[in-house]
Amino acid sequence: MCLAIPGKIIEIQGEVPLRAARVQFGGIVRQVSLDFVPEAGVGDYVMVHVGFAISLVDAVEAERTYKLLQEMDLLEQELGPVSTDGL
């Protein structure tokens, strides 16, 4: 199953249109493409699907969705194991 997972942008690299971000999902950080959300900035929450941010989402909705995915034990399945380098 491939779900969109909400995460918070903590750093942006590159310039439009080839921007990428480090996005935090709880204690997990992954590199994500911002091609589909050029308006996204540091501190914004985005829905991420297969390495691409596909939409902006407000912080309350992101937290609610994240908690539901945790309760269903789907986060590790979607994000993979936590790595020591944060990527």
N, C-alpha and C. Protein backbone atom coordinates (compact mmCIF):
# COMPACT_ATOMS: atom_id res chain seq x y z
N MET A 1 0.84 -1.17 0.00
CA MET A 1 0.00 0.00 0.00
C MET A 1 0.90 1.24 0.00
N CYS A 2 0.56 2.23 -0.79
CA CYS A 2 1.31 3.48 -0.82
C CYS A 2 0.37 4.61 -0.43
N LEU A 3 0.64 5.22 0.70
CA LEU A 3 -0.18 6.31 1.20
C LEU A 3 0.58 7.61 1.10
N ALA A 4 -0.15 8.72 1.12
CA ALA A 4 0.48 10.03 1.27
C ALA A 4 0.61 10.28 2.77
N ILE A 5 1.80 10.68 3.18
CA ILE A 5 2.11 10.90 4.60
C ILE A 5 2.37 12.38 4.83
N PRO A 6 1.79 12.98 5.86
CA PRO A 6 2.06 14.39 6.14
C PRO A 6 3.40 14.57 6.83
N GLY A 7 4.12 15.61 6.43
CA GLY A 7 5.40 15.92 7.05
C GLY A 7 5.65 17.41 7.04
N LYS A 8 6.59 17.85 7.86
CA LYS A 8 6.93 19.27 7.99
C LYS A 8 8.25 19.55 7.27
N ILE A 9 8.26 20.57 6.43
CA ILE A 9 9.48 20.98 5.73
C ILE A 9 10.41 21.66 6.73
N ILE A 10 11.63 21.11 6.86
CA ILE A 10 12.59 21.70 7.80
C ILE A 10 13.75 22.39 7.09
N GLU A 11 13.92 22.11 5.80
CA GLU A 11 15.00 22.74 5.03
C GLU A 11 14.68 22.60 3.54
N ILE A 12 15.02 23.63 2.77
CA ILE A 12 14.82 23.58 1.32
C ILE A 12 16.16 23.79 0.63
N GLN A 13 16.40 22.98 -0.41
CA GLN A 13 17.61 23.11 -1.22
C GLN A 13 17.19 23.36 -2.66
N GLY A 14 18.02 24.09 -3.39
CA GLY A 14 17.77 24.34 -4.81
C GLY A 14 16.85 25.52 -5.05
N GLU A 15 16.60 25.75 -6.32
CA GLU A 15 15.75 26.85 -6.75
C GLU A 15 14.62 26.31 -7.61
N VAL A 16 13.52 27.07 -7.70
CA VAL A 16 12.40 26.69 -8.56
C VAL A 16 12.94 26.56 -9.97
N PRO A 17 12.65 25.55 -10.73
CA PRO A 17 11.67 24.50 -10.46
C PRO A 17 12.28 23.24 -9.86
N LEU A 18 13.57 23.21 -9.60
CA LEU A 18 14.22 21.98 -9.12
C LEU A 18 14.52 22.03 -7.63
N ARG A 19 13.49 22.28 -6.85
CA ARG A 19 13.68 22.36 -5.40
C ARG A 19 13.42 21.01 -4.74
N ALA A 20 14.15 20.78 -3.69
CA ALA A 20 13.94 19.59 -2.86
C ALA A 20 13.92 20.07 -1.41
N ALA A 21 13.44 19.21 -0.54
CA ALA A 21 13.36 19.59 0.87
C ALA A 21 13.67 18.40 1.74
N ARG A 22 14.14 18.72 2.94
CA ARG A 22 14.22 17.72 4.00
C ARG A 22 12.91 17.86 4.76
N VAL A 23 12.17 16.75 4.82
CA VAL A 23 10.85 16.77 5.44
C VAL A 23 10.87 15.82 6.63
N GLN A 24 10.33 16.31 7.74
CA GLN A 24 10.32 15.53 8.98
C GLN A 24 8.94 14.89 9.18
N PHE A 25 8.98 13.57 9.42
CA PHE A 25 7.78 12.79 9.72
C PHE A 25 7.98 12.24 11.13
N GLY A 26 7.55 12.98 12.12
CA GLY A 26 7.84 12.56 13.51
C GLY A 26 9.35 12.63 13.71
N GLY A 27 10.00 11.51 14.02
CA GLY A 27 11.44 11.47 14.20
C GLY A 27 12.20 11.06 12.97
N ILE A 28 11.51 10.89 11.85
CA ILE A 28 12.15 10.44 10.61
C ILE A 28 12.25 11.62 9.65
N VAL A 29 13.41 11.77 9.00
CA VAL A 29 13.61 12.84 8.02
C VAL A 29 13.94 12.20 6.68
N ARG A 30 13.26 12.66 5.63
CA ARG A 30 13.49 12.14 4.28
C ARG A 30 13.63 13.30 3.30
N GLN A 31 14.36 13.05 2.22
CA GLN A 31 14.50 14.01 1.12
C GLN A 31 13.26 13.88 0.23
N VAL A 32 12.68 15.03 -0.14
CA VAL A 32 11.42 15.05 -0.89
C VAL A 32 11.51 16.08 -2.00
N SER A 33 10.96 15.76 -3.15
CA SER A 33 10.88 16.72 -4.26
C SER A 33 9.72 17.67 -4.03
N LEU A 34 9.93 18.95 -4.34
CA LEU A 34 8.87 19.96 -4.22
C LEU A 34 8.33 20.39 -5.59
N ASP A 35 8.55 19.58 -6.63
CA ASP A 35 8.13 19.93 -7.98
C ASP A 35 6.65 20.29 -8.07
N PHE A 36 5.79 19.59 -7.33
CA PHE A 36 4.34 19.80 -7.44
C PHE A 36 3.80 20.87 -6.50
N VAL A 37 4.63 21.38 -5.60
CA VAL A 37 4.20 22.43 -4.67
C VAL A 37 5.26 23.54 -4.61
N PRO A 38 5.43 24.27 -5.70
CA PRO A 38 6.48 25.30 -5.73
C PRO A 38 6.28 26.41 -4.70
N GLU A 39 5.06 26.56 -4.20
CA GLU A 39 4.77 27.59 -3.21
C GLU A 39 5.15 27.19 -1.79
N ALA A 40 5.53 25.95 -1.57
CA ALA A 40 5.85 25.45 -0.22
C ALA A 40 7.12 26.09 0.32
N GLY A 41 7.13 26.33 1.62
CA GLY A 41 8.29 26.92 2.28
C GLY A 41 8.63 26.21 3.57
N VAL A 42 9.75 26.59 4.17
CA VAL A 42 10.17 26.01 5.44
C VAL A 42 9.08 26.26 6.48
N GLY A 43 8.74 25.21 7.22
CA GLY A 43 7.70 25.29 8.24
C GLY A 43 6.34 24.84 7.75
N ASP A 44 6.16 24.74 6.43
CA ASP A 44 4.90 24.26 5.87
C ASP A 44 4.78 22.75 6.04
N TYR A 45 3.56 22.29 6.07
CA TYR A 45 3.29 20.85 6.08
C TYR A 45 2.83 20.44 4.70
N VAL A 46 3.34 19.30 4.25
CA VAL A 46 3.00 18.78 2.92
C VAL A 46 2.61 17.32 3.03
N MET A 47 1.78 16.89 2.09
CA MET A 47 1.46 15.47 1.96
C MET A 47 2.47 14.90 0.98
N VAL A 48 3.15 13.81 1.36
CA VAL A 48 4.23 13.24 0.56
C VAL A 48 3.83 11.84 0.10
N HIS A 49 3.99 11.62 -1.20
CA HIS A 49 3.69 10.31 -1.79
C HIS A 49 4.85 9.93 -2.69
N VAL A 50 5.44 8.77 -2.46
CA VAL A 50 6.59 8.23 -3.20
C VAL A 50 7.68 9.27 -3.47
N GLY A 51 8.03 10.04 -2.44
CA GLY A 51 9.14 10.98 -2.55
C GLY A 51 8.79 12.35 -3.12
N PHE A 52 7.51 12.59 -3.42
CA PHE A 52 7.08 13.88 -3.95
C PHE A 52 6.06 14.51 -3.02
N ALA A 53 6.26 15.79 -2.68
CA ALA A 53 5.22 16.54 -1.97
C ALA A 53 4.12 16.81 -3.00
N ILE A 54 2.90 16.39 -2.70
CA ILE A 54 1.83 16.52 -3.68
C ILE A 54 0.82 17.61 -3.33
N SER A 55 0.82 18.08 -2.09
CA SER A 55 -0.06 19.17 -1.71
C SER A 55 0.36 19.74 -0.37
N LEU A 56 -0.06 20.97 -0.13
CA LEU A 56 0.11 21.58 1.19
C LEU A 56 -1.05 21.13 2.07
N VAL A 57 -0.82 21.07 3.36
CA VAL A 57 -1.87 20.71 4.31
C VAL A 57 -1.63 21.53 5.57
N ASP A 58 -2.71 21.90 6.27
CA ASP A 58 -2.51 22.69 7.48
C ASP A 58 -1.99 21.80 8.61
N ALA A 59 -1.38 22.43 9.59
CA ALA A 59 -0.69 21.71 10.68
C ALA A 59 -1.64 20.81 11.47
N VAL A 60 -2.86 21.27 11.71
CA VAL A 60 -3.82 20.48 12.49
C VAL A 60 -4.19 19.20 11.74
N GLU A 61 -4.48 19.32 10.45
CA GLU A 61 -4.82 18.15 9.65
C GLU A 61 -3.63 17.21 9.52
N ALA A 62 -2.44 17.75 9.37
CA ALA A 62 -1.23 16.92 9.27
C ALA A 62 -1.05 16.10 10.54
N GLU A 63 -1.19 16.72 11.69
CA GLU A 63 -1.03 16.02 12.96
C GLU A 63 -2.10 14.95 13.14
N ARG A 64 -3.33 15.27 12.79
CA ARG A 64 -4.42 14.31 12.91
C ARG A 64 -4.17 13.09 12.03
N THR A 65 -3.78 13.31 10.79
CA THR A 65 -3.51 12.22 9.86
C THR A 65 -2.32 11.38 10.33
N TYR A 66 -1.27 12.05 10.77
CA TYR A 66 -0.07 11.35 11.25
C TYR A 66 -0.43 10.42 12.42
N LYS A 67 -1.21 10.92 13.38
CA LYS A 67 -1.59 10.11 14.53
C LYS A 67 -2.43 8.90 14.12
N LEU A 68 -3.34 9.09 13.17
CA LEU A 68 -4.14 7.96 12.69
C LEU A 68 -3.27 6.90 12.04
N LEU A 69 -2.30 7.32 11.23
CA LEU A 69 -1.40 6.37 10.59
C LEU A 69 -0.55 5.64 11.62
N GLN A 70 -0.13 6.33 12.67
CA GLN A 70 0.61 5.69 13.76
C GLN A 70 -0.23 4.64 14.45
N GLU A 71 -1.47 4.99 14.74
CA GLU A 71 -2.37 4.06 15.42
C GLU A 71 -2.62 2.80 14.59
N MET A 72 -2.60 2.93 13.28
CA MET A 72 -2.84 1.79 12.39
C MET A 72 -1.54 1.06 12.05
N ASP A 73 -0.42 1.49 12.65
CA ASP A 73 0.90 0.88 12.41
C ASP A 73 1.29 0.90 10.93
N LEU A 74 0.99 1.98 10.25
CA LEU A 74 1.30 2.09 8.82
C LEU A 74 2.50 2.97 8.53
N LEU A 75 3.00 3.72 9.51
CA LEU A 75 4.09 4.66 9.23
C LEU A 75 5.38 3.97 8.82
N GLU A 76 5.83 2.99 9.60
CA GLU A 76 7.09 2.33 9.24
C GLU A 76 6.97 1.61 7.91
N GLN A 77 5.80 1.04 7.66
CA GLN A 77 5.56 0.36 6.38
C GLN A 77 5.73 1.33 5.22
N GLU A 78 5.26 2.56 5.38
CA GLU A 78 5.32 3.55 4.30
C GLU A 78 6.67 4.27 4.25
N LEU A 79 7.24 4.60 5.41
CA LEU A 79 8.47 5.39 5.45
C LEU A 79 9.72 4.54 5.50
N GLY A 80 9.59 3.28 5.87
CA GLY A 80 10.75 2.43 6.02
C GLY A 80 11.37 2.62 7.39
N PRO A 81 12.39 1.84 7.70
CA PRO A 81 13.04 1.96 9.00
C PRO A 81 13.79 3.28 9.14
N VAL A 82 13.95 3.70 10.36
CA VAL A 82 14.71 4.92 10.64
C VAL A 82 16.17 4.65 10.38
N SER A 83 16.81 5.54 9.61
CA SER A 83 18.24 5.39 9.35
C SER A 83 19.03 6.34 10.25
N THR A 84 20.29 6.05 10.46
CA THR A 84 21.10 6.87 11.36
C THR A 84 21.50 8.20 10.74
N ASP A 85 21.51 8.31 9.40
CA ASP A 85 21.89 9.56 8.77
C ASP A 85 20.71 10.49 8.54
N GLY A 86 19.48 10.07 8.89
CA GLY A 86 18.31 10.92 8.76
C GLY A 86 17.75 11.01 7.37
N LEU A 87 18.25 10.21 6.42
CA LEU A 87 17.72 10.25 5.05
C LEU A 87 17.23 8.89 4.62
